[in-house]
Amino acid sequence: MSSIPIVPAANPQPPIPSQDEKMRDAADKLEATFLAEMLKSAGFGKTSETFGGGAGEDQFASFLVQAQAEQMVKAGGIGLSEQIFNALKGDSNGSS
């Protein structure tokens, strides 16, 4: 009877993000949170008085607003993320 060779498993762990990647992610999340608050202040996510979705819509509207804000950041946002990232890096002249 022949033995079955043991092949080491591929590295199951994802690569560890660099410090810059962590700071970029934090800056993007902060910009998304800021944009979500601005959207809420502008009235996005509020149910209409007539033909609204009821309590269910009220419960999940904040998730929709947050998802919209995250998509805005992915599309380029308003530039706040870049400013935050540069501040975190200690880049005083604002360029990367």
PDB file of N, CA and C in Angstrom:
ATOM      1  N   MET A   1       0.841  -1.166   0.000  1.00  0.00           N
ATOM      2  CA  MET A   1       0.000   0.000   0.000  1.00  0.00           C
ATOM      3  C   MET A   1       0.893   1.239   0.000  1.00  0.00           C
ATOM      4  N   SER A   2       0.590   2.206  -0.870  1.00  0.00           N
ATOM      5  CA  SER A   2       1.417   3.407  -0.940  1.00  0.00           C
ATOM      6  C   SER A   2       0.873   4.485  -0.008  1.00  0.00           C
ATOM      7  N   SER A   3       1.771   5.269   0.492  1.00  0.00           N
ATOM      8  CA  SER A   3       1.351   6.331   1.405  1.00  0.00           C
ATOM      9  C   SER A   3       0.938   7.571   0.613  1.00  0.00           C
ATOM     10  N   ILE A   4       0.043   8.322   1.178  1.00  0.00           N
ATOM     11  CA  ILE A   4      -0.434   9.563   0.562  1.00  0.00           C
ATOM     12  C   ILE A   4       0.465  10.692   1.044  1.00  0.00           C
ATOM     13  N   PRO A   5       1.061  11.431   0.086  1.00  0.00           N
ATOM     14  CA  PRO A   5       1.953  12.515   0.522  1.00  0.00           C
ATOM     15  C   PRO A   5       1.164  13.634   1.209  1.00  0.00           C
ATOM     16  N   ILE A   6       1.764  14.170   2.224  1.00  0.00           N
ATOM     17  CA  ILE A   6       1.142  15.280   2.948  1.00  0.00           C
ATOM     18  C   ILE A   6       1.665  16.580   2.363  1.00  0.00           C
ATOM     19  N   VAL A   7       0.726  17.357   1.857  1.00  0.00           N
ATOM     20  CA  VAL A   7       1.077  18.641   1.252  1.00  0.00           C
ATOM     21  C   VAL A   7       0.708  19.737   2.244  1.00  0.00           C
ATOM     22  N   PRO A   8       1.630  20.612   2.564  1.00  0.00           N
ATOM     23  CA  PRO A   8       1.274  21.687   3.502  1.00  0.00           C
ATOM     24  C   PRO A   8       0.190  22.573   2.912  1.00  0.00           C
ATOM     25  N   ALA A   9      -0.722  22.978   3.762  1.00  0.00           N
ATOM     26  CA  ALA A   9      -1.829  23.838   3.332  1.00  0.00           C
ATOM     27  C   ALA A   9      -1.294  25.209   2.944  1.00  0.00           C
ATOM     28  N   ALA A  10      -1.985  25.817   1.992  1.00  0.00           N
ATOM     29  CA  ALA A  10      -1.634  27.185   1.607  1.00  0.00           C
ATOM     30  C   ALA A  10      -1.859  28.100   2.804  1.00  0.00           C
ATOM     31  N   ASN A  11      -1.199  29.224   2.803  1.00  0.00           N
ATOM     32  CA  ASN A  11      -1.328  30.178   3.907  1.00  0.00           C
ATOM     33  C   ASN A  11      -2.785  30.622   4.024  1.00  0.00           C
ATOM     34  N   PRO A  12      -3.524  30.127   5.042  1.00  0.00           N
ATOM     35  CA  PRO A  12      -4.937  30.465   5.158  1.00  0.00           C
ATOM     36  C   PRO A  12      -5.191  31.870   5.711  1.00  0.00           C
ATOM     37  N   GLN A  13      -4.163  32.492   6.235  1.00  0.00           N
ATOM     38  CA  GLN A  13      -4.350  33.810   6.839  1.00  0.00           C
ATOM     39  C   GLN A  13      -4.120  34.890   5.790  1.00  0.00           C
ATOM     40  N   PRO A  14      -4.989  35.905   5.788  1.00  0.00           N
ATOM     41  CA  PRO A  14      -4.771  37.010   4.846  1.00  0.00           C
ATOM     42  C   PRO A  14      -3.524  37.795   5.230  1.00  0.00           C
ATOM     43  N   PRO A  15      -2.935  38.494   4.268  1.00  0.00           N
ATOM     44  CA  PRO A  15      -1.741  39.282   4.605  1.00  0.00           C
ATOM     45  C   PRO A  15      -2.079  40.378   5.610  1.00  0.00           C
ATOM     46  N   ILE A  16      -1.116  40.669   6.450  1.00  0.00           N
ATOM     47  CA  ILE A  16      -1.304  41.711   7.461  1.00  0.00           C
ATOM     48  C   ILE A  16      -1.222  43.071   6.778  1.00  0.00           C
ATOM     49  N   PRO A  17      -2.256  43.925   6.964  1.00  0.00           N
ATOM     50  CA  PRO A  17      -2.226  45.234   6.308  1.00  0.00           C
ATOM     51  C   PRO A  17      -1.111  46.116   6.869  1.00  0.00           C
ATOM     52  N   SER A  18      -0.557  46.941   5.999  1.00  0.00           N
ATOM     53  CA  SER A  18       0.498  47.856   6.429  1.00  0.00           C
ATOM     54  C   SER A  18      -0.104  48.984   7.270  1.00  0.00           C
ATOM     55  N   GLN A  19       0.780  49.740   7.894  1.00  0.00           N
ATOM     56  CA  GLN A  19       0.330  50.870   8.716  1.00  0.00           C
ATOM     57  C   GLN A  19      -0.425  51.888   7.856  1.00  0.00           C
ATOM     58  N   ASP A  20       0.078  52.149   6.640  1.00  0.00           N
ATOM     59  CA  ASP A  20      -0.603  53.097   5.749  1.00  0.00           C
ATOM     60  C   ASP A  20      -1.993  52.594   5.369  1.00  0.00           C
ATOM     61  N   GLU A  21      -2.126  51.286   5.128  1.00  0.00           N
ATOM     62  CA  GLU A  21      -3.436  50.728   4.779  1.00  0.00           C
ATOM     63  C   GLU A  21      -4.409  50.859   5.941  1.00  0.00           C
ATOM     64  N   LYS A  22      -3.917  50.650   7.154  1.00  0.00           N
ATOM     65  CA  LYS A  22      -4.767  50.803   8.336  1.00  0.00           C
ATOM     66  C   LYS A  22      -5.219  52.259   8.501  1.00  0.00           C
ATOM     67  N   MET A  23      -4.287  53.194   8.291  1.00  0.00           N
ATOM     68  CA  MET A  23      -4.636  54.611   8.422  1.00  0.00           C
ATOM     69  C   MET A  23      -5.604  55.031   7.322  1.00  0.00           C
ATOM     70  N   ARG A  24      -5.410  54.534   6.092  1.00  0.00           N
ATOM     71  CA  ARG A  24      -6.306  54.857   4.978  1.00  0.00           C
ATOM     72  C   ARG A  24      -7.707  54.331   5.273  1.00  0.00           C
ATOM     73  N   ASP A  25      -7.795  53.110   5.805  1.00  0.00           N
ATOM     74  CA  ASP A  25      -9.092  52.523   6.144  1.00  0.00           C
ATOM     75  C   ASP A  25      -9.789  53.344   7.228  1.00  0.00           C
ATOM     76  N   ALA A  26      -9.036  53.745   8.240  1.00  0.00           N
ATOM     77  CA  ALA A  26      -9.609  54.560   9.319  1.00  0.00           C
ATOM     78  C   ALA A  26     -10.093  55.907   8.786  1.00  0.00           C
ATOM     79  N   ALA A  27      -9.325  56.520   7.895  1.00  0.00           N
ATOM     80  CA  ALA A  27      -9.720  57.802   7.310  1.00  0.00           C
ATOM     81  C   ALA A  27     -10.972  57.649   6.461  1.00  0.00           C
ATOM     82  N   ASP A  28     -11.059  56.567   5.685  1.00  0.00           N
ATOM     83  CA  ASP A  28     -12.247  56.316   4.867  1.00  0.00           C
ATOM     84  C   ASP A  28     -13.482  56.104   5.735  1.00  0.00           C
ATOM     85  N   LYS A  29     -13.321  55.356   6.827  1.00  0.00           N
ATOM     86  CA  LYS A  29     -14.454  55.110   7.731  1.00  0.00           C
ATOM     87  C   LYS A  29     -14.927  56.409   8.384  1.00  0.00           C
ATOM     88  N   LEU A  30     -13.978  57.257   8.758  1.00  0.00           N
ATOM     89  CA  LEU A  30     -14.345  58.527   9.375  1.00  0.00           C
ATOM     90  C   LEU A  30     -15.077  59.424   8.383  1.00  0.00           C
ATOM     91  N   GLU A  31     -14.605  59.468   7.131  1.00  0.00           N
ATOM     92  CA  GLU A  31     -15.304  60.266   6.124  1.00  0.00           C
ATOM     93  C   GLU A  31     -16.694  59.706   5.867  1.00  0.00           C
ATOM     94  N   ALA A  32     -16.838  58.389   5.822  1.00  0.00           N
ATOM     95  CA  ALA A  32     -18.148  57.777   5.603  1.00  0.00           C
ATOM     96  C   ALA A  32     -19.111  58.115   6.742  1.00  0.00           C
ATOM     97  N   THR A  33     -18.606  58.084   7.960  1.00  0.00           N
ATOM     98  CA  THR A  33     -19.441  58.439   9.112  1.00  0.00           C
ATOM     99  C   THR A  33     -19.862  59.900   9.035  1.00  0.00           C
ATOM    100  N   PHE A  34     -18.929  60.770   8.670  1.00  0.00           N
ATOM    101  CA  PHE A  34     -19.240  62.189   8.523  1.00  0.00           C
ATOM    102  C   PHE A  34     -20.308  62.395   7.444  1.00  0.00           C
ATOM    103  N   LEU A  35     -20.128  61.748   6.295  1.00  0.00           N
ATOM    104  CA  LEU A  35     -21.100  61.895   5.205  1.00  0.00           C
ATOM    105  C   LEU A  35     -22.458  61.339   5.596  1.00  0.00           C
ATOM    106  N   ALA A  36     -22.485  60.242   6.346  1.00  0.00           N
ATOM    107  CA  ALA A  36     -23.762  59.675   6.792  1.00  0.00           C
ATOM    108  C   ALA A  36     -24.497  60.670   7.689  1.00  0.00           C
ATOM    109  N   GLU A  37     -23.776  61.328   8.571  1.00  0.00           N
ATOM    110  CA  GLU A  37     -24.405  62.328   9.436  1.00  0.00           C
ATOM    111  C   GLU A  37     -24.925  63.517   8.621  1.00  0.00           C
ATOM    112  N   MET A  38     -24.166  63.912   7.616  1.00  0.00           N
ATOM    113  CA  MET A  38     -24.615  65.012   6.752  1.00  0.00           C
ATOM    114  C   MET A  38     -25.864  64.613   5.957  1.00  0.00           C
ATOM    115  N   LEU A  39     -25.893  63.375   5.480  1.00  0.00           N
ATOM    116  CA  LEU A  39     -27.073  62.896   4.753  1.00  0.00           C
ATOM    117  C   LEU A  39     -28.293  62.849   5.666  1.00  0.00           C
ATOM    118  N   LYS A  40     -28.092  62.391   6.903  1.00  0.00           N
ATOM    119  CA  LYS A  40     -29.197  62.363   7.867  1.00  0.00           C
ATOM    120  C   LYS A  40     -29.703  63.773   8.139  1.00  0.00           C
ATOM    121  N   SER A  41     -28.785  64.724   8.297  1.00  0.00           N
ATOM    122  CA  SER A  41     -29.174  66.115   8.549  1.00  0.00           C
ATOM    123  C   SER A  41     -29.922  66.712   7.374  1.00  0.00           C
ATOM    124  N   ALA A  42     -29.593  66.233   6.172  1.00  0.00           N
ATOM    125  CA  ALA A  42     -30.267  66.727   4.970  1.00  0.00           C
ATOM    126  C   ALA A  42     -31.621  66.058   4.753  1.00  0.00           C
ATOM    127  N   GLY A  43     -31.950  65.077   5.576  1.00  0.00           N
ATOM    128  CA  GLY A  43     -33.258  64.444   5.485  1.00  0.00           C
ATOM    129  C   GLY A  43     -33.270  63.101   4.780  1.00  0.00           C
ATOM    130  N   PHE A  44     -32.123  62.610   4.352  1.00  0.00           N
ATOM    131  CA  PHE A  44     -32.087  61.293   3.731  1.00  0.00           C
ATOM    132  C   PHE A  44     -32.353  60.243   4.798  1.00  0.00           C
ATOM    133  N   GLY A  45     -33.104  59.231   4.441  1.00  0.00           N
ATOM    134  CA  GLY A  45     -33.395  58.159   5.374  1.00  0.00           C
ATOM    135  C   GLY A  45     -34.656  58.363   6.178  1.00  0.00           C
ATOM    136  N   LYS A  46     -35.289  59.516   6.022  1.00  0.00           N
ATOM    137  CA  LYS A  46     -36.545  59.747   6.722  1.00  0.00           C
ATOM    138  C   LYS A  46     -37.686  59.201   5.875  1.00  0.00           C
ATOM    139  N   THR A  47     -38.649  58.582   6.535  1.00  0.00           N
ATOM    140  CA  THR A  47     -39.788  58.029   5.808  1.00  0.00           C
ATOM    141  C   THR A  47     -40.760  59.143   5.446  1.00  0.00           C
ATOM    142  N   SER A  48     -41.382  58.953   4.296  1.00  0.00           N
ATOM    143  CA  SER A  48     -42.367  59.948   3.875  1.00  0.00           C
ATOM    144  C   SER A  48     -43.635  59.774   4.700  1.00  0.00           C
ATOM    145  N   GLU A  49     -44.408  60.826   4.794  1.00  0.00           N
ATOM    146  CA  GLU A  49     -45.631  60.797   5.591  1.00  0.00           C
ATOM    147  C   GLU A  49     -46.676  59.874   4.977  1.00  0.00           C
ATOM    148  N   THR A  50     -46.774  59.884   3.660  1.00  0.00           N
ATOM    149  CA  THR A  50     -47.744  59.023   2.989  1.00  0.00           C
ATOM    150  C   THR A  50     -47.025  57.891   2.279  1.00  0.00           C
ATOM    151  N   PHE A  51     -47.593  56.739   2.312  1.00  0.00           N
ATOM    152  CA  PHE A  51     -47.053  55.550   1.651  1.00  0.00           C
ATOM    153  C   PHE A  51     -45.650  55.201   2.136  1.00  0.00           C
ATOM    154  N   GLY A  52     -45.377  55.465   3.368  1.00  0.00           N
ATOM    155  CA  GLY A  52     -44.078  55.106   3.932  1.00  0.00           C
ATOM    156  C   GLY A  52     -44.013  53.617   4.208  1.00  0.00           C
ATOM    157  N   GLY A  53     -42.829  53.143   4.530  1.00  0.00           N
ATOM    158  CA  GLY A  53     -42.625  51.720   4.784  1.00  0.00           C
ATOM    159  C   GLY A  53     -42.913  51.311   6.215  1.00  0.00           C
ATOM    160  N   GLY A  54     -43.343  52.234   7.034  1.00  0.00           N
ATOM    161  CA  GLY A  54     -43.692  51.915   8.402  1.00  0.00           C
ATOM    162  C   GLY A  54     -42.480  51.751   9.305  1.00  0.00           C
ATOM    163  N   ALA A  55     -42.691  50.976  10.371  1.00  0.00           N
ATOM    164  CA  ALA A  55     -41.647  50.805  11.380  1.00  0.00           C
ATOM    165  C   ALA A  55     -40.420  50.107  10.813  1.00  0.00           C
ATOM    166  N   GLY A  56     -40.625  49.178   9.882  1.00  0.00           N
ATOM    167  CA  GLY A  56     -39.489  48.473   9.283  1.00  0.00           C
ATOM    168  C   GLY A  56     -38.564  49.408   8.550  1.00  0.00           C
ATOM    169  N   GLU A  57     -39.142  50.324   7.800  1.00  0.00           N
ATOM    170  CA  GLU A  57     -38.317  51.289   7.070  1.00  0.00           C
ATOM    171  C   GLU A  57     -37.571  52.198   8.035  1.00  0.00           C
ATOM    172  N   ASP A  58     -38.238  52.605   9.087  1.00  0.00           N
ATOM    173  CA  ASP A  58     -37.586  53.445  10.092  1.00  0.00           C
ATOM    174  C   ASP A  58     -36.386  52.731  10.719  1.00  0.00           C
ATOM    175  N   GLN A  59     -36.530  51.419  10.967  1.00  0.00           N
ATOM    176  CA  GLN A  59     -35.470  50.655  11.613  1.00  0.00           C
ATOM    177  C   GLN A  59     -34.218  50.527  10.743  1.00  0.00           C
ATOM    178  N   PHE A  60     -34.418  50.383   9.422  1.00  0.00           N
ATOM    179  CA  PHE A  60     -33.295  50.092   8.537  1.00  0.00           C
ATOM    180  C   PHE A  60     -32.804  51.287   7.726  1.00  0.00           C
ATOM    181  N   ALA A  61     -33.427  52.434   7.878  1.00  0.00           N
ATOM    182  CA  ALA A  61     -33.036  53.616   7.107  1.00  0.00           C
ATOM    183  C   ALA A  61     -31.601  54.030   7.405  1.00  0.00           C
ATOM    184  N   SER A  62     -31.156  53.894   8.645  1.00  0.00           N
ATOM    185  CA  SER A  62     -29.789  54.296   8.982  1.00  0.00           C
ATOM    186  C   SER A  62     -28.762  53.409   8.281  1.00  0.00           C
ATOM    187  N   PHE A  63     -29.090  52.133   8.077  1.00  0.00           N
ATOM    188  CA  PHE A  63     -28.175  51.244   7.357  1.00  0.00           C
ATOM    189  C   PHE A  63     -28.045  51.676   5.894  1.00  0.00           C
ATOM    190  N   LEU A  64     -29.166  52.089   5.312  1.00  0.00           N
ATOM    191  CA  LEU A  64     -29.150  52.555   3.920  1.00  0.00           C
ATOM    192  C   LEU A  64     -28.305  53.825   3.804  1.00  0.00           C
ATOM    193  N   VAL A  65     -28.497  54.758   4.707  1.00  0.00           N
ATOM    194  CA  VAL A  65     -27.732  56.008   4.675  1.00  0.00           C
ATOM    195  C   VAL A  65     -26.241  55.722   4.847  1.00  0.00           C
ATOM    196  N   GLN A  66     -25.882  54.810   5.760  1.00  0.00           N
ATOM    197  CA  GLN A  66     -24.474  54.470   5.964  1.00  0.00           C
ATOM    198  C   GLN A  66     -23.896  53.820   4.711  1.00  0.00           C
ATOM    199  N   ALA A  67     -24.647  52.926   4.075  1.00  0.00           N
ATOM    200  CA  ALA A  67     -24.171  52.276   2.846  1.00  0.00           C
ATOM    201  C   ALA A  67     -23.988  53.294   1.727  1.00  0.00           C
ATOM    202  N   GLN A  68     -24.908  54.255   1.636  1.00  0.00           N
ATOM    203  CA  GLN A  68     -24.772  55.304   0.626  1.00  0.00           C
ATOM    204  C   GLN A  68     -23.525  56.139   0.886  1.00  0.00           C
ATOM    205  N   ALA A  69     -23.268  56.463   2.128  1.00  0.00           N
ATOM    206  CA  ALA A  69     -22.084  57.249   2.479  1.00  0.00           C
ATOM    207  C   ALA A  69     -20.804  56.473   2.155  1.00  0.00           C
ATOM    208  N   GLU A  70     -20.786  55.176   2.428  1.00  0.00           N
ATOM    209  CA  GLU A  70     -19.610  54.362   2.120  1.00  0.00           C
ATOM    210  C   GLU A  70     -19.364  54.309   0.613  1.00  0.00           C
ATOM    211  N   GLN A  71     -20.429  54.236  -0.177  1.00  0.00           N
ATOM    212  CA  GLN A  71     -20.284  54.234  -1.632  1.00  0.00           C
ATOM    213  C   GLN A  71     -19.778  55.590  -2.131  1.00  0.00           C
ATOM    214  N   MET A  72     -20.202  56.654  -1.478  1.00  0.00           N
ATOM    215  CA  MET A  72     -19.710  57.982  -1.842  1.00  0.00           C
ATOM    216  C   MET A  72     -18.200  58.059  -1.620  1.00  0.00           C
ATOM    217  N   VAL A  73     -17.726  57.501  -0.516  1.00  0.00           N
ATOM    218  CA  VAL A  73     -16.291  57.510  -0.222  1.00  0.00           C
ATOM    219  C   VAL A  73     -15.546  56.688  -1.268  1.00  0.00           C
ATOM    220  N   LYS A  74     -16.077  55.511  -1.623  1.00  0.00           N
ATOM    221  CA  LYS A  74     -15.435  54.670  -2.641  1.00  0.00           C
ATOM    222  C   LYS A  74     -15.365  55.375  -3.988  1.00  0.00           C
ATOM    223  N   ALA A  75     -16.342  56.240  -4.267  1.00  0.00           N
ATOM    224  CA  ALA A  75     -16.373  56.976  -5.534  1.00  0.00           C
ATOM    225  C   ALA A  75     -15.501  58.226  -5.506  1.00  0.00           C
ATOM    226  N   GLY A  76     -14.843  58.481  -4.391  1.00  0.00           N
ATOM    227  CA  GLY A  76     -13.957  59.634  -4.309  1.00  0.00           C
ATOM    228  C   GLY A  76     -14.291  60.574  -3.171  1.00  0.00           C
ATOM    229  N   GLY A  77     -15.496  60.495  -2.671  1.00  0.00           N
ATOM    230  CA  GLY A  77     -15.885  61.296  -1.516  1.00  0.00           C
ATOM    231  C   GLY A  77     -15.751  62.790  -1.741  1.00  0.00           C
ATOM    232  N   ILE A  78     -15.496  63.487  -0.658  1.00  0.00           N
ATOM    233  CA  ILE A  78     -15.358  64.939  -0.716  1.00  0.00           C
ATOM    234  C   ILE A  78     -13.938  65.393  -0.411  1.00  0.00           C
ATOM    235  N   GLY A  79     -13.015  64.441  -0.318  1.00  0.00           N
ATOM    236  CA  GLY A  79     -11.624  64.777  -0.059  1.00  0.00           C
ATOM    237  C   GLY A  79     -11.248  64.792   1.412  1.00  0.00           C
ATOM    238  N   LEU A  80     -12.206  64.566   2.275  1.00  0.00           N
ATOM    239  CA  LEU A  80     -11.932  64.581   3.707  1.00  0.00           C
ATOM    240  C   LEU A  80     -11.021  63.423   4.106  1.00  0.00           C
ATOM    241  N   SER A  81     -11.245  62.267   3.512  1.00  0.00           N
ATOM    242  CA  SER A  81     -10.445  61.095   3.825  1.00  0.00           C
ATOM    243  C   SER A  81      -8.965  61.343   3.543  1.00  0.00           C
ATOM    244  N   GLU A  82      -8.681  61.976   2.428  1.00  0.00           N
ATOM    245  CA  GLU A  82      -7.279  62.260   2.068  1.00  0.00           C
ATOM    246  C   GLU A  82      -6.644  63.203   3.085  1.00  0.00           C
ATOM    247  N   GLN A  83      -7.386  64.206   3.519  1.00  0.00           N
ATOM    248  CA  GLN A  83      -6.867  65.148   4.510  1.00  0.00           C
ATOM    249  C   GLN A  83      -6.606  64.457   5.848  1.00  0.00           C
ATOM    250  N   ILE A  84      -7.537  63.584   6.247  1.00  0.00           N
ATOM    251  CA  ILE A  84      -7.368  62.845   7.502  1.00  0.00           C
ATOM    252  C   ILE A  84      -6.162  61.916   7.403  1.00  0.00           C
ATOM    253  N   PHE A  85      -6.042  61.214   6.271  1.00  0.00           N
ATOM    254  CA  PHE A  85      -4.916  60.296   6.063  1.00  0.00           C
ATOM    255  C   PHE A  85      -3.590  61.045   6.159  1.00  0.00           C
ATOM    256  N   ASN A  86      -3.503  62.196   5.496  1.00  0.00           N
ATOM    257  CA  ASN A  86      -2.266  62.989   5.540  1.00  0.00           C
ATOM    258  C   ASN A  86      -1.966  63.472   6.956  1.00  0.00           C
ATOM    259  N   ALA A  87      -3.003  63.831   7.702  1.00  0.00           N
ATOM    260  CA  ALA A  87      -2.795  64.258   9.080  1.00  0.00           C
ATOM    261  C   ALA A  87      -2.301  63.095   9.940  1.00  0.00           C
ATOM    262  N   LEU A  88      -2.850  61.904   9.715  1.00  0.00           N
ATOM    263  CA  LEU A  88      -2.409  60.739  10.468  1.00  0.00           C
ATOM    264  C   LEU A  88      -0.960  60.375  10.153  1.00  0.00           C
ATOM    265  N   LYS A  89      -0.576  60.557   8.911  1.00  0.00           N
ATOM    266  CA  LYS A  89       0.806  60.263   8.497  1.00  0.00           C
ATOM    267  C   LYS A  89       1.769  61.320   9.015  1.00  0.00           C
ATOM    268  N   GLY A  90       1.248  62.484   9.393  1.00  0.00           N
ATOM    269  CA  GLY A  90       2.111  63.561   9.841  1.00  0.00           C
ATOM    270  C   GLY A  90       2.637  64.373   8.683  1.00  0.00           C
ATOM    271  N   ASP A  91       1.954  64.292   7.542  1.00  0.00           N
ATOM    272  CA  ASP A  91       2.335  65.027   6.333  1.00  0.00           C
ATOM    273  C   ASP A  91       1.797  66.447   6.444  1.00  0.00           C
ATOM    274  N   SER A  92       2.660  67.377   6.782  1.00  0.00           N
ATOM    275  CA  SER A  92       2.221  68.749   7.039  1.00  0.00           C
ATOM    276  C   SER A  92       1.909  69.541   5.787  1.00  0.00           C
ATOM    277  N   ASN A  93       2.460  69.149   4.626  1.00  0.00           N
ATOM    278  CA  ASN A  93       2.196  69.941   3.418  1.00  0.00           C
ATOM    279  C   ASN A  93       0.964  69.472   2.658  1.00  0.00           C
ATOM    280  N   GLY A  94       0.304  68.360   3.093  1.00  0.00           N
ATOM    281  CA  GLY A  94      -0.943  67.944   2.492  1.00  0.00           C
ATOM    282  C   GLY A  94      -0.805  67.109   1.238  1.00  0.00           C
ATOM    283  N   SER A  95       0.402  66.766   0.827  1.00  0.00           N
ATOM    284  CA  SER A  95       0.552  65.930  -0.354  1.00  0.00           C
ATOM    285  C   SER A  95       1.002  64.553   0.061  1.00  0.00           C
ATOM    286  N   SER A  96       0.694  63.564  -0.787  1.00  0.00           N
ATOM    287  CA  SER A  96       1.100  62.194  -0.449  1.00  0.00           C
ATOM    288  C   SER A  96       2.106  61.647  -1.398  1.00  0.00           C
TER     289      SER A  96
END
